[in-house]
Amino acid sequence: MVRKRGPEGAGRAVARGTYAAGDERWSRILDAAVAHFAQRGFDASSLARIAKDVGITQGGLLHHFRSREDLLVEVLERMEVASRFVV
């Protein structure tokens, strides 16, 4: 079964069972990436620093996102969805 990533209501599977911890970690990675990209910019942000802030290894981060570019795409998608709710 393929789980869709993204915010609730945008095709994301509801967290259940053993997926809940992974989904929560995925969300924490995105939160840290948003902060890093906003503070340092994309070019100066590293997966190692983002992983350290989340409390996981870089390999653990790469389990969820294949590359820094994939992480950026998810951050941008999150921002796009969030902007839909701004009135």
PDB file of N, CA and C in Angstrom:
ATOM      1  N   MET A   1       0.839  -1.172   0.000  1.00  0.00           N
ATOM      2  CA  MET A   1       0.000   0.000   0.000  1.00  0.00           C
ATOM      3  C   MET A   1       0.888   1.240   0.000  1.00  0.00           C
ATOM      4  N   VAL A   2       0.651   2.144  -0.888  1.00  0.00           N
ATOM      5  CA  VAL A   2       1.410   3.389  -0.962  1.00  0.00           C
ATOM      6  C   VAL A   2       0.681   4.449  -0.172  1.00  0.00           C
ATOM      7  N   ARG A   3       1.411   5.060   0.756  1.00  0.00           N
ATOM      8  CA  ARG A   3       0.826   6.143   1.535  1.00  0.00           C
ATOM      9  C   ARG A   3       1.148   7.454   0.851  1.00  0.00           C
ATOM     10  N   LYS A   4       0.144   8.280   0.679  1.00  0.00           N
ATOM     11  CA  LYS A   4       0.348   9.612   0.101  1.00  0.00           C
ATOM     12  C   LYS A   4       0.868  10.533   1.182  1.00  0.00           C
ATOM     13  N   ARG A   5       1.858  11.338   0.835  1.00  0.00           N
ATOM     14  CA  ARG A   5       2.386  12.321   1.766  1.00  0.00           C
ATOM     15  C   ARG A   5       1.694  13.640   1.537  1.00  0.00           C
ATOM     16  N   GLY A   6       1.614  14.428   2.562  1.00  0.00           N
ATOM     17  CA  GLY A   6       1.013  15.744   2.450  1.00  0.00           C
ATOM     18  C   GLY A   6       0.118  16.014   3.627  1.00  0.00           C
ATOM     19  N   PRO A   7      -0.421  17.203   3.697  1.00  0.00           N
ATOM     20  CA  PRO A   7      -1.261  17.570   4.833  1.00  0.00           C
ATOM     21  C   PRO A   7      -2.602  16.849   4.826  1.00  0.00           C
ATOM     22  N   GLU A   8      -3.219  16.827   5.975  1.00  0.00           N
ATOM     23  CA  GLU A   8      -4.548  16.211   6.090  1.00  0.00           C
ATOM     24  C   GLU A   8      -5.490  16.827   5.065  1.00  0.00           C
ATOM     25  N   GLY A   9      -6.338  16.033   4.492  1.00  0.00           N
ATOM     26  CA  GLY A   9      -7.308  16.541   3.545  1.00  0.00           C
ATOM     27  C   GLY A   9      -6.761  16.693   2.134  1.00  0.00           C
ATOM     28  N   ALA A  10      -5.486  16.401   1.929  1.00  0.00           N
ATOM     29  CA  ALA A  10      -4.896  16.533   0.592  1.00  0.00           C
ATOM     30  C   ALA A  10      -4.423  15.172   0.102  1.00  0.00           C
ATOM     31  N   GLY A  11      -5.201  14.153   0.369  1.00  0.00           N
ATOM     32  CA  GLY A  11      -4.870  12.818  -0.102  1.00  0.00           C
ATOM     33  C   GLY A  11      -3.994  12.033   0.854  1.00  0.00           C
ATOM     34  N   ARG A  12      -3.709  12.581   2.014  1.00  0.00           N
ATOM     35  CA  ARG A  12      -2.846  11.905   2.976  1.00  0.00           C
ATOM     36  C   ARG A  12      -3.637  10.834   3.717  1.00  0.00           C
ATOM     37  N   ALA A  13      -3.028   9.687   3.868  1.00  0.00           N
ATOM     38  CA  ALA A  13      -3.653   8.621   4.627  1.00  0.00           C
ATOM     39  C   ALA A  13      -3.665   9.002   6.099  1.00  0.00           C
ATOM     40  N   VAL A  14      -4.681   8.617   6.806  1.00  0.00           N
ATOM     41  CA  VAL A  14      -4.782   8.919   8.224  1.00  0.00           C
ATOM     42  C   VAL A  14      -3.797   8.020   8.967  1.00  0.00           C
ATOM     43  N   ALA A  15      -3.052   8.617   9.923  1.00  0.00           N
ATOM     44  CA  ALA A  15      -2.067   7.863  10.690  1.00  0.00           C
ATOM     45  C   ALA A  15      -2.772   6.803  11.523  1.00  0.00           C
ATOM     46  N   ARG A  16      -2.243   5.591  11.465  1.00  0.00           N
ATOM     47  CA  ARG A  16      -2.810   4.521  12.256  1.00  0.00           C
ATOM     48  C   ARG A  16      -1.743   3.490  12.529  1.00  0.00           C
ATOM     49  N   GLY A  17      -1.884   2.808  13.620  1.00  0.00           N
ATOM     50  CA  GLY A  17      -0.960   1.734  13.950  1.00  0.00           C
ATOM     51  C   GLY A  17       0.483   2.189  13.975  1.00  0.00           C
ATOM     52  N   THR A  18       1.355   1.386  13.368  1.00  0.00           N
ATOM     53  CA  THR A  18       2.783   1.667  13.399  1.00  0.00           C
ATOM     54  C   THR A  18       3.177   2.819  12.494  1.00  0.00           C
ATOM     55  N   TYR A  19       2.287   3.282  11.639  1.00  0.00           N
ATOM     56  CA  TYR A  19       2.593   4.415  10.768  1.00  0.00           C
ATOM     57  C   TYR A  19       2.575   5.747  11.520  1.00  0.00           C
ATOM     58  N   ALA A  20       1.931   5.805  12.658  1.00  0.00           N
ATOM     59  CA  ALA A  20       1.771   7.063  13.384  1.00  0.00           C
ATOM     60  C   ALA A  20       3.123   7.677  13.740  1.00  0.00           C
ATOM     61  N   ALA A  21       4.059   6.883  14.223  1.00  0.00           N
ATOM     62  CA  ALA A  21       5.378   7.405  14.601  1.00  0.00           C
ATOM     63  C   ALA A  21       6.120   7.932  13.382  1.00  0.00           C
ATOM     64  N   GLY A  22       6.059   7.210  12.284  1.00  0.00           N
ATOM     65  CA  GLY A  22       6.720   7.657  11.058  1.00  0.00           C
ATOM     66  C   GLY A  22       6.101   8.920  10.505  1.00  0.00           C
ATOM     67  N   ASP A  23       4.784   9.017  10.561  1.00  0.00           N
ATOM     68  CA  ASP A  23       4.100  10.218  10.079  1.00  0.00           C
ATOM     69  C   ASP A  23       4.435  11.423  10.950  1.00  0.00           C
ATOM     70  N   GLU A  24       4.544  11.197  12.250  1.00  0.00           N
ATOM     71  CA  GLU A  24       4.893  12.289  13.161  1.00  0.00           C
ATOM     72  C   GLU A  24       6.332  12.751  12.903  1.00  0.00           C
ATOM     73  N   ARG A  25       7.234  11.809  12.680  1.00  0.00           N
ATOM     74  CA  ARG A  25       8.631  12.148  12.382  1.00  0.00           C
ATOM     75  C   ARG A  25       8.718  12.895  11.056  1.00  0.00           C
ATOM     76  N   TRP A  26       7.950  12.455  10.073  1.00  0.00           N
ATOM     77  CA  TRP A  26       7.915  13.108   8.757  1.00  0.00           C
ATOM     78  C   TRP A  26       7.486  14.565   8.908  1.00  0.00           C
ATOM     79  N   SER A  27       6.497  14.796   9.746  1.00  0.00           N
ATOM     80  CA  SER A  27       6.012  16.145   9.981  1.00  0.00           C
ATOM     81  C   SER A  27       7.061  16.990  10.708  1.00  0.00           C
ATOM     82  N   ARG A  28       7.768  16.401  11.683  1.00  0.00           N
ATOM     83  CA  ARG A  28       8.826  17.131  12.392  1.00  0.00           C
ATOM     84  C   ARG A  28       9.969  17.495  11.443  1.00  0.00           C
ATOM     85  N   ILE A  29      10.294  16.607  10.518  1.00  0.00           N
ATOM     86  CA  ILE A  29      11.334  16.903   9.523  1.00  0.00           C
ATOM     87  C   ILE A  29      10.913  18.096   8.682  1.00  0.00           C
ATOM     88  N   LEU A  30       9.662  18.103   8.229  1.00  0.00           N
ATOM     89  CA  LEU A  30       9.170  19.228   7.432  1.00  0.00           C
ATOM     90  C   LEU A  30       9.204  20.531   8.225  1.00  0.00           C
ATOM     91  N   ASP A  31       8.813  20.487   9.487  1.00  0.00           N
ATOM     92  CA  ASP A  31       8.849  21.690  10.324  1.00  0.00           C
ATOM     93  C   ASP A  31      10.273  22.230  10.428  1.00  0.00           C
ATOM     94  N   ALA A  32      11.224  21.335  10.659  1.00  0.00           N
ATOM     95  CA  ALA A  32      12.625  21.757  10.772  1.00  0.00           C
ATOM     96  C   ALA A  32      13.133  22.294   9.442  1.00  0.00           C
ATOM     97  N   ALA A  33      12.751  21.670   8.350  1.00  0.00           N
ATOM     98  CA  ALA A  33      13.186  22.126   7.029  1.00  0.00           C
ATOM     99  C   ALA A  33      12.642  23.517   6.723  1.00  0.00           C
ATOM    100  N   VAL A  34      11.389  23.762   7.061  1.00  0.00           N
ATOM    101  CA  VAL A  34      10.804  25.091   6.858  1.00  0.00           C
ATOM    102  C   VAL A  34      11.638  26.128   7.599  1.00  0.00           C
ATOM    103  N   ALA A  35      11.971  25.849   8.846  1.00  0.00           N
ATOM    104  CA  ALA A  35      12.756  26.788   9.651  1.00  0.00           C
ATOM    105  C   ALA A  35      14.143  27.004   9.049  1.00  0.00           C
ATOM    106  N   HIS A  36      14.799  25.929   8.654  1.00  0.00           N
ATOM    107  CA  HIS A  36      16.148  26.046   8.075  1.00  0.00           C
ATOM    108  C   HIS A  36      16.122  26.811   6.755  1.00  0.00           C
ATOM    109  N   PHE A  37      15.203  26.472   5.878  1.00  0.00           N
ATOM    110  CA  PHE A  37      15.140  27.140   4.579  1.00  0.00           C
ATOM    111  C   PHE A  37      14.812  28.622   4.758  1.00  0.00           C
ATOM    112  N   ALA A  38      13.953  28.940   5.727  1.00  0.00           N
ATOM    113  CA  ALA A  38      13.586  30.338   5.960  1.00  0.00           C
ATOM    114  C   ALA A  38      14.751  31.130   6.549  1.00  0.00           C
ATOM    115  N   GLN A  39      15.491  30.520   7.465  1.00  0.00           N
ATOM    116  CA  GLN A  39      16.585  31.222   8.142  1.00  0.00           C
ATOM    117  C   GLN A  39      17.857  31.279   7.310  1.00  0.00           C
ATOM    118  N   ARG A  40      18.197  30.179   6.631  1.00  0.00           N
ATOM    119  CA  ARG A  40      19.486  30.086   5.957  1.00  0.00           C
ATOM    120  C   ARG A  40      19.391  30.090   4.439  1.00  0.00           C
ATOM    121  N   GLY A  41      18.201  29.855   3.938  1.00  0.00           N
ATOM    122  CA  GLY A  41      18.042  29.670   2.500  1.00  0.00           C
ATOM    123  C   GLY A  41      18.313  28.223   2.117  1.00  0.00           C
ATOM    124  N   PHE A  42      17.860  27.841   0.951  1.00  0.00           N
ATOM    125  CA  PHE A  42      17.987  26.451   0.514  1.00  0.00           C
ATOM    126  C   PHE A  42      19.450  26.039   0.361  1.00  0.00           C
ATOM    127  N   ASP A  43      20.259  26.882  -0.289  1.00  0.00           N
ATOM    128  CA  ASP A  43      21.647  26.521  -0.570  1.00  0.00           C
ATOM    129  C   ASP A  43      22.488  26.339   0.685  1.00  0.00           C
ATOM    130  N   ALA A  44      22.190  27.075   1.741  1.00  0.00           N
ATOM    131  CA  ALA A  44      22.981  26.992   2.969  1.00  0.00           C
ATOM    132  C   ALA A  44      22.413  25.988   3.973  1.00  0.00           C
ATOM    133  N   SER A  45      21.312  25.346   3.648  1.00  0.00           N
ATOM    134  CA  SER A  45      20.707  24.359   4.545  1.00  0.00           C
ATOM    135  C   SER A  45      21.229  22.977   4.196  1.00  0.00           C
ATOM    136  N   SER A  46      21.506  22.201   5.226  1.00  0.00           N
ATOM    137  CA  SER A  46      22.002  20.841   4.967  1.00  0.00           C
ATOM    138  C   SER A  46      21.073  19.815   5.604  1.00  0.00           C
ATOM    139  N   LEU A  47      21.034  18.643   4.988  1.00  0.00           N
ATOM    140  CA  LEU A  47      20.230  17.562   5.550  1.00  0.00           C
ATOM    141  C   LEU A  47      20.760  17.156   6.919  1.00  0.00           C
ATOM    142  N   ALA A  48      22.079  17.213   7.089  1.00  0.00           N
ATOM    143  CA  ALA A  48      22.669  16.827   8.372  1.00  0.00           C
ATOM    144  C   ALA A  48      22.183  17.741   9.497  1.00  0.00           C
ATOM    145  N   ARG A  49      22.132  19.046   9.254  1.00  0.00           N
ATOM    146  CA  ARG A  49      21.662  19.984  10.286  1.00  0.00           C
ATOM    147  C   ARG A  49      20.175  19.809  10.565  1.00  0.00           C
ATOM    148  N   ILE A  50      19.413  19.609   9.509  1.00  0.00           N
ATOM    149  CA  ILE A  50      17.968  19.404   9.686  1.00  0.00           C
ATOM    150  C   ILE A  50      17.733  18.136  10.497  1.00  0.00           C
ATOM    151  N   ALA A  51      18.423  17.059  10.143  1.00  0.00           N
ATOM    152  CA  ALA A  51      18.286  15.792  10.865  1.00  0.00           C
ATOM    153  C   ALA A  51      18.673  15.965  12.332  1.00  0.00           C
ATOM    154  N   LYS A  52      19.762  16.681  12.587  1.00  0.00           N
ATOM    155  CA  LYS A  52      20.211  16.900  13.965  1.00  0.00           C
ATOM    156  C   LYS A  52      19.142  17.626  14.772  1.00  0.00           C
ATOM    157  N   ASP A  53      18.510  18.634  14.179  1.00  0.00           N
ATOM    158  CA  ASP A  53      17.447  19.369  14.876  1.00  0.00           C
ATOM    159  C   ASP A  53      16.250  18.484  15.197  1.00  0.00           C
ATOM    160  N   VAL A  54      15.997  17.508  14.354  1.00  0.00           N
ATOM    161  CA  VAL A  54      14.860  16.598  14.566  1.00  0.00           C
ATOM    162  C   VAL A  54      15.235  15.496  15.555  1.00  0.00           C
ATOM    163  N   GLY A  55      16.546  15.257  15.723  1.00  0.00           N
ATOM    164  CA  GLY A  55      16.989  14.202  16.625  1.00  0.00           C
ATOM    165  C   GLY A  55      17.122  12.852  15.948  1.00  0.00           C
ATOM    166  N   ILE A  56      17.378  12.873  14.643  1.00  0.00           N
ATOM    167  CA  ILE A  56      17.574  11.640  13.887  1.00  0.00           C
ATOM    168  C   ILE A  56      18.871  11.756  13.101  1.00  0.00           C
ATOM    169  N   THR A  57      19.281  10.662  12.486  1.00  0.00           N
ATOM    170  CA  THR A  57      20.472  10.681  11.647  1.00  0.00           C
ATOM    171  C   THR A  57      20.106  11.171  10.249  1.00  0.00           C
ATOM    172  N   GLN A  58      21.132  11.541   9.495  1.00  0.00           N
ATOM    173  CA  GLN A  58      20.884  11.934   8.110  1.00  0.00           C
ATOM    174  C   GLN A  58      20.291  10.759   7.332  1.00  0.00           C
ATOM    175  N   GLY A  59      20.743   9.556   7.628  1.00  0.00           N
ATOM    176  CA  GLY A  59      20.171   8.364   6.994  1.00  0.00           C
ATOM    177  C   GLY A  59      18.699   8.194   7.320  1.00  0.00           C
ATOM    178  N   GLY A  60      18.332   8.522   8.565  1.00  0.00           N
ATOM    179  CA  GLY A  60      16.923   8.462   8.953  1.00  0.00           C
ATOM    180  C   GLY A  60      16.094   9.468   8.185  1.00  0.00           C
ATOM    181  N   LEU A  61      16.656  10.652   7.969  1.00  0.00           N
ATOM    182  CA  LEU A  61      15.956  11.664   7.180  1.00  0.00           C
ATOM    183  C   LEU A  61      15.801  11.186   5.733  1.00  0.00           C
ATOM    184  N   LEU A  62      16.859  10.579   5.207  1.00  0.00           N
ATOM    185  CA  LEU A  62      16.812  10.102   3.822  1.00  0.00           C
ATOM    186  C   LEU A  62      15.847   8.925   3.644  1.00  0.00           C
ATOM    187  N   HIS A  63      15.461   8.295   4.742  1.00  0.00           N
ATOM    188  CA  HIS A  63      14.425   7.260   4.671  1.00  0.00           C
ATOM    189  C   HIS A  63      13.083   7.878   4.267  1.00  0.00           C
ATOM    190  N   HIS A  64      12.859   9.120   4.690  1.00  0.00           N
ATOM    191  CA  HIS A  64      11.605   9.812   4.411  1.00  0.00           C
ATOM    192  C   HIS A  64      11.666  10.661   3.147  1.00  0.00           C
ATOM    193  N   PHE A  65      12.816  11.222   2.851  1.00  0.00           N
ATOM    194  CA  PHE A  65      12.997  12.104   1.689  1.00  0.00           C
ATOM    195  C   PHE A  65      14.275  11.689   0.974  1.00  0.00           C
ATOM    196  N   ARG A  66      14.200  11.456  -0.333  1.00  0.00           N
ATOM    197  CA  ARG A  66      15.355  10.947  -1.083  1.00  0.00           C
ATOM    198  C   ARG A  66      16.477  11.953  -1.214  1.00  0.00           C
ATOM    199  N   SER A  67      16.157  13.242  -1.134  1.00  0.00           N
ATOM    200  CA  SER A  67      17.172  14.273  -1.333  1.00  0.00           C
ATOM    201  C   SER A  67      16.704  15.582  -0.727  1.00  0.00           C
ATOM    202  N   ARG A  68      17.608  16.535  -0.674  1.00  0.00           N
ATOM    203  CA  ARG A  68      17.254  17.870  -0.189  1.00  0.00           C
ATOM    204  C   ARG A  68      16.233  18.505  -1.123  1.00  0.00           C
ATOM    205  N   GLU A  69      16.351  18.242  -2.412  1.00  0.00           N
ATOM    206  CA  GLU A  69      15.401  18.772  -3.386  1.00  0.00           C
ATOM    207  C   GLU A  69      14.003  18.202  -3.152  1.00  0.00           C
ATOM    208  N   ASP A  70      13.908  16.904  -2.861  1.00  0.00           N
ATOM    209  CA  ASP A  70      12.598  16.300  -2.551  1.00  0.00           C
ATOM    210  C   ASP A  70      12.001  16.927  -1.295  1.00  0.00           C
ATOM    211  N   LEU A  71      12.854  17.203  -0.315  1.00  0.00           N
ATOM    212  CA  LEU A  71      12.392  17.852   0.903  1.00  0.00           C
ATOM    213  C   LEU A  71      11.868  19.255   0.593  1.00  0.00           C
ATOM    214  N   LEU A  72      12.562  19.983  -0.255  1.00  0.00           N
ATOM    215  CA  LEU A  72      12.113  21.319  -0.653  1.00  0.00           C
ATOM    216  C   LEU A  72      10.757  21.259  -1.352  1.00  0.00           C
ATOM    217  N   VAL A  73      10.569  20.285  -2.222  1.00  0.00           N
ATOM    218  CA  VAL A  73       9.285  20.138  -2.918  1.00  0.00           C
ATOM    219  C   VAL A  73       8.162  19.940  -1.904  1.00  0.00           C
ATOM    220  N   GLU A  74       8.378  19.100  -0.905  1.00  0.00           N
ATOM    221  CA  GLU A  74       7.356  18.873   0.116  1.00  0.00           C
ATOM    222  C   GLU A  74       7.089  20.139   0.931  1.00  0.00           C
ATOM    223  N   VAL A  75       8.146  20.887   1.253  1.00  0.00           N
ATOM    224  CA  VAL A  75       7.981  22.150   1.982  1.00  0.00           C
ATOM    225  C   VAL A  75       7.137  23.111   1.158  1.00  0.00           C
ATOM    226  N   LEU A  76       7.437  23.224  -0.130  1.00  0.00           N
ATOM    227  CA  LEU A  76       6.678  24.129  -0.995  1.00  0.00           C
ATOM    228  C   LEU A  76       5.228  23.686  -1.134  1.00  0.00           C
ATOM    229  N   GLU A  77       4.998  22.381  -1.217  1.00  0.00           N
ATOM    230  CA  GLU A  77       3.620  21.885  -1.282  1.00  0.00           C
ATOM    231  C   GLU A  77       2.876  22.202   0.011  1.00  0.00           C
ATOM    232  N   ARG A  78       3.550  22.059   1.139  1.00  0.00           N
ATOM    233  CA  ARG A  78       2.932  22.387   2.423  1.00  0.00           C
ATOM    234  C   ARG A  78       2.564  23.869   2.466  1.00  0.00           C
ATOM    235  N   MET A  79       3.457  24.720   1.999  1.00  0.00           N
ATOM    236  CA  MET A  79       3.202  26.159   2.004  1.00  0.00           C
ATOM    237  C   MET A  79       2.048  26.507   1.064  1.00  0.00           C
ATOM    238  N   GLU A  80       1.975  25.817  -0.076  1.00  0.00           N
ATOM    239  CA  GLU A  80       0.891  26.068  -1.021  1.00  0.00           C
ATOM    240  C   GLU A  80      -0.456  25.703  -0.407  1.00  0.00           C
ATOM    241  N   VAL A  81      -0.513  24.555   0.243  1.00  0.00           N
ATOM    242  CA  VAL A  81      -1.765  24.138   0.868  1.00  0.00           C
ATOM    243  C   VAL A  81      -2.131  25.095   1.991  1.00  0.00           C
ATOM    244  N   ALA A  82      -1.156  25.510   2.787  1.00  0.00           N
ATOM    245  CA  ALA A  82      -1.430  26.440   3.882  1.00  0.00           C
ATOM    246  C   ALA A  82      -1.938  27.774   3.352  1.00  0.00           C
ATOM    247  N   SER A  83      -1.422  28.207   2.209  1.00  0.00           N
ATOM    248  CA  SER A  83      -1.843  29.501   1.664  1.00  0.00           C
ATOM    249  C   SER A  83      -3.278  29.469   1.147  1.00  0.00           C
ATOM    250  N   ARG A  84      -3.812  28.295   0.868  1.00  0.00           N
ATOM    251  CA  ARG A  84      -5.207  28.177   0.425  1.00  0.00           C
ATOM    252  C   ARG A  84      -6.182  28.556   1.532  1.00  0.00           C
ATOM    253  N   PHE A  85      -5.734  28.407   2.770  1.00  0.00           N
ATOM    254  CA  PHE A  85      -6.614  28.651   3.906  1.00  0.00           C
ATOM    255  C   PHE A  85      -6.491  30.071   4.440  1.00  0.00           C
ATOM    256  N   VAL A  86      -5.595  30.855   3.867  1.00  0.00           N
ATOM    257  CA  VAL A  86      -5.438  32.247   4.283  1.00  0.00           C
ATOM    258  C   VAL A  86      -6.460  33.071   3.550  1.00  0.00           C
ATOM    259  N   VAL A  87      -7.240  33.815   4.295  1.00  0.00           N
ATOM    260  CA  VAL A  87      -8.297  34.622   3.684  1.00  0.00           C
ATOM    261  C   VAL A  87      -7.863  36.051   3.580  1.00  0.00           C
TER     262      VAL A  87
END
